[in-house]
Amino acid sequence: MNAADRRRLMHIVERIDKIDRYTVDGRAFFEEDEKTQDAVIRCLAVVGEAAGALSAETYGRIASLPPQLPKGQRNVLIHEYWRVDLDVVWATIGRDLPSLRREIGELLQEG
């Protein structure tokens, strides 16, 4: 893995860990607190940007990253912000991020 990919994977892990900290109080708090929503959405945008910038080789080693999804979600979060659905954001947090975090952690440990 090249140095740029390693850096991007570390950025993804850091943002997922932030999202975990920001959402520890649960969905009700997330839905009521605009600052938390903004912070989580920003972190998801970074995840999408970093994932979209990975080399094809590294991207292909992460099974939980389907083609085009992170970059597509990032584009909605940034460029089509009026379409952001908090239900989709919350589902991403609970369903997708844990496996992505685990896979990237394993990849980073491989060296």
C-alpha atoms as a PDB file:
ATOM      1  CA  MET A   1       0.000   0.000   0.000  1.00  0.00           C
ATOM      2  CA  ASN A   2       1.368   3.408  -0.881  1.00  0.00           C
ATOM      3  CA  ALA A   3       1.842   6.189   1.672  1.00  0.00           C
ATOM      4  CA  ALA A   4      -1.016   8.305   0.324  1.00  0.00           C
ATOM      5  CA  ASP A   5      -3.486   5.422   0.676  1.00  0.00           C
ATOM      6  CA  ARG A   6      -2.264   4.713   4.186  1.00  0.00           C
ATOM      7  CA  ARG A   7      -2.826   8.371   5.116  1.00  0.00           C
ATOM      8  CA  ARG A   8      -6.302   8.358   3.599  1.00  0.00           C
ATOM      9  CA  LEU A   9      -7.234   5.156   5.414  1.00  0.00           C
ATOM     10  CA  MET A  10      -6.064   6.713   8.668  1.00  0.00           C
ATOM     11  CA  HIS A  11      -8.233   9.761   7.954  1.00  0.00           C
ATOM     12  CA  ILE A  12     -11.230   7.468   7.425  1.00  0.00           C
ATOM     13  CA  VAL A  13     -10.583   5.647  10.701  1.00  0.00           C
ATOM     14  CA  GLU A  14     -10.172   8.937  12.565  1.00  0.00           C
ATOM     15  CA  ARG A  15     -13.477  10.255  11.205  1.00  0.00           C
ATOM     16  CA  ILE A  16     -15.354   7.045  11.984  1.00  0.00           C
ATOM     17  CA  ASP A  17     -14.006   7.202  15.534  1.00  0.00           C
ATOM     18  CA  LYS A  18     -15.188  10.818  15.803  1.00  0.00           C
ATOM     19  CA  ILE A  19     -18.639   9.829  14.555  1.00  0.00           C
ATOM     20  CA  ASP A  20     -18.755   7.111  17.226  1.00  0.00           C
ATOM     21  CA  ARG A  21     -17.926   9.690  19.888  1.00  0.00           C
ATOM     22  CA  TYR A  22     -20.404  12.231  18.526  1.00  0.00           C
ATOM     23  CA  THR A  23     -23.285   9.737  18.415  1.00  0.00           C
ATOM     24  CA  VAL A  24     -22.689   7.902  21.683  1.00  0.00           C
ATOM     25  CA  ASP A  25     -25.842   9.489  23.148  1.00  0.00           C
ATOM     26  CA  GLY A  26     -28.059   7.771  20.584  1.00  0.00           C
ATOM     27  CA  ARG A  27     -30.361   8.602  17.744  1.00  0.00           C
ATOM     28  CA  ALA A  28     -32.765  10.839  19.649  1.00  0.00           C
ATOM     29  CA  PHE A  29     -29.938  13.160  20.660  1.00  0.00           C
ATOM     30  CA  PHE A  30     -28.534  13.060  17.123  1.00  0.00           C
ATOM     31  CA  GLU A  31     -31.893  14.046  15.631  1.00  0.00           C
ATOM     32  CA  GLU A  32     -32.331  16.922  18.091  1.00  0.00           C
ATOM     33  CA  ASP A  33     -28.818  18.375  18.013  1.00  0.00           C
ATOM     34  CA  GLU A  34     -27.933  20.295  14.864  1.00  0.00           C
ATOM     35  CA  LYS A  35     -24.294  20.657  15.869  1.00  0.00           C
ATOM     36  CA  THR A  36     -23.950  16.884  16.107  1.00  0.00           C
ATOM     37  CA  GLN A  37     -25.660  16.458  12.745  1.00  0.00           C
ATOM     38  CA  ASP A  38     -23.296  18.975  11.166  1.00  0.00           C
ATOM     39  CA  ALA A  39     -20.241  17.322  12.720  1.00  0.00           C
ATOM     40  CA  VAL A  40     -21.292  13.833  11.608  1.00  0.00           C
ATOM     41  CA  ILE A  41     -22.125  14.994   8.094  1.00  0.00           C
ATOM     42  CA  ARG A  42     -18.724  16.680   7.817  1.00  0.00           C
ATOM     43  CA  CYS A  43     -17.004  13.489   8.971  1.00  0.00           C
ATOM     44  CA  LEU A  44     -18.968  11.421   6.450  1.00  0.00           C
ATOM     45  CA  ALA A  45     -17.932  13.845   3.715  1.00  0.00           C
ATOM     46  CA  VAL A  46     -14.279  13.331   4.662  1.00  0.00           C
ATOM     47  CA  VAL A  47     -14.791   9.551   4.630  1.00  0.00           C
ATOM     48  CA  GLY A  48     -16.281   9.771   1.140  1.00  0.00           C
ATOM     49  CA  GLU A  49     -13.558  12.048  -0.171  1.00  0.00           C
ATOM     50  CA  ALA A  50     -10.761   9.931   1.294  1.00  0.00           C
ATOM     51  CA  ALA A  51     -12.295   6.677   0.042  1.00  0.00           C
ATOM     52  CA  GLY A  52     -12.815   8.135  -3.411  1.00  0.00           C
ATOM     53  CA  ALA A  53      -9.144   9.147  -3.582  1.00  0.00           C
ATOM     54  CA  LEU A  54      -7.797   5.668  -2.764  1.00  0.00           C
ATOM     55  CA  SER A  55      -5.940   3.783  -5.448  1.00  0.00           C
ATOM     56  CA  ALA A  56      -8.010   1.135  -7.225  1.00  0.00           C
ATOM     57  CA  GLU A  57      -5.841  -1.571  -5.663  1.00  0.00           C
ATOM     58  CA  THR A  58      -6.451  -0.426  -2.084  1.00  0.00           C
ATOM     59  CA  TYR A  59     -10.118   0.355  -2.700  1.00  0.00           C
ATOM     60  CA  GLY A  60     -10.613  -3.141  -4.061  1.00  0.00           C
ATOM     61  CA  ARG A  61      -9.238  -4.684  -0.875  1.00  0.00           C
ATOM     62  CA  ILE A  62     -12.069  -3.224   1.218  1.00  0.00           C
ATOM     63  CA  ALA A  63     -15.178  -5.354   0.694  1.00  0.00           C
ATOM     64  CA  SER A  64     -17.481  -2.936   2.537  1.00  0.00           C
ATOM     65  CA  LEU A  65     -16.780  -0.186  -0.019  1.00  0.00           C
ATOM     66  CA  PRO A  66     -19.081  -0.833  -2.964  1.00  0.00           C
ATOM     67  CA  PRO A  67     -18.118   0.949  -6.186  1.00  0.00           C
ATOM     68  CA  GLN A  68     -18.982   4.657  -6.231  1.00  0.00           C
ATOM     69  CA  LEU A  69     -20.925   4.652  -2.945  1.00  0.00           C
ATOM     70  CA  PRO A  70     -18.673   6.734  -0.677  1.00  0.00           C
ATOM     71  CA  LYS A  71     -17.973   9.369  -3.320  1.00  0.00           C
ATOM     72  CA  GLY A  72     -21.637   9.446  -4.327  1.00  0.00           C
ATOM     73  CA  GLN A  73     -22.774   9.890  -0.747  1.00  0.00           C
ATOM     74  CA  ARG A  74     -20.140  12.577  -0.258  1.00  0.00           C
ATOM     75  CA  ASN A  75     -21.451  14.453  -3.305  1.00  0.00           C
ATOM     76  CA  VAL A  76     -24.955  14.466  -1.837  1.00  0.00           C
ATOM     77  CA  LEU A  77     -23.667  15.665   1.535  1.00  0.00           C
ATOM     78  CA  ILE A  78     -21.686  18.517  -0.030  1.00  0.00           C
ATOM     79  CA  HIS A  79     -23.321  19.444  -3.320  1.00  0.00           C
ATOM     80  CA  GLU A  80     -26.931  18.366  -2.798  1.00  0.00           C
ATOM     81  CA  TYR A  81     -27.185  19.119   0.917  1.00  0.00           C
ATOM     82  CA  TRP A  82     -30.940  19.695   0.687  1.00  0.00           C
ATOM     83  CA  ARG A  83     -31.339  15.979  -0.095  1.00  0.00           C
ATOM     84  CA  VAL A  84     -29.593  14.763   3.062  1.00  0.00           C
ATOM     85  CA  ASP A  85     -31.852  12.294   4.837  1.00  0.00           C
ATOM     86  CA  LEU A  86     -31.020  11.834   8.515  1.00  0.00           C
ATOM     87  CA  ASP A  87     -32.498   8.324   8.409  1.00  0.00           C
ATOM     88  CA  VAL A  88     -29.944   7.394   5.743  1.00  0.00           C
ATOM     89  CA  VAL A  89     -27.154   9.065   7.715  1.00  0.00           C
ATOM     90  CA  TRP A  90     -28.120   7.166  10.856  1.00  0.00           C
ATOM     91  CA  ALA A  91     -28.371   3.877   8.960  1.00  0.00           C
ATOM     92  CA  THR A  92     -24.892   4.484   7.544  1.00  0.00           C
ATOM     93  CA  ILE A  93     -23.558   5.042  11.059  1.00  0.00           C
ATOM     94  CA  GLY A  94     -25.050   1.834  12.450  1.00  0.00           C
ATOM     95  CA  ARG A  95     -24.917  -0.481   9.461  1.00  0.00           C
ATOM     96  CA  ASP A  96     -21.925   0.506   7.332  1.00  0.00           C
ATOM     97  CA  LEU A  97     -19.310   2.236   9.452  1.00  0.00           C
ATOM     98  CA  PRO A  98     -18.553  -0.585  11.918  1.00  0.00           C
ATOM     99  CA  SER A  99     -17.533  -3.042   9.187  1.00  0.00           C
ATOM    100  CA  LEU A 100     -15.656  -0.349   7.281  1.00  0.00           C
ATOM    101  CA  ARG A 101     -13.745   0.585  10.443  1.00  0.00           C
ATOM    102  CA  ARG A 102     -12.895  -3.044  11.131  1.00  0.00           C
ATOM    103  CA  GLU A 103     -11.718  -3.784   7.601  1.00  0.00           C
ATOM    104  CA  ILE A 104      -9.574  -0.674   7.377  1.00  0.00           C
ATOM    105  CA  GLY A 105      -8.075  -1.378  10.794  1.00  0.00           C
ATOM    106  CA  GLU A 106      -7.076  -4.849   9.638  1.00  0.00           C
ATOM    107  CA  LEU A 107      -5.636  -3.490   6.413  1.00  0.00           C
ATOM    108  CA  LEU A 108      -3.571  -0.899   8.262  1.00  0.00           C
ATOM    109  CA  GLN A 109      -2.197  -3.569  10.621  1.00  0.00           C
ATOM    110  CA  GLU A 110      -1.016  -5.643   7.672  1.00  0.00           C
ATOM    111  CA  GLY A 111       1.526  -2.936   7.052  1.00  0.00           C
END
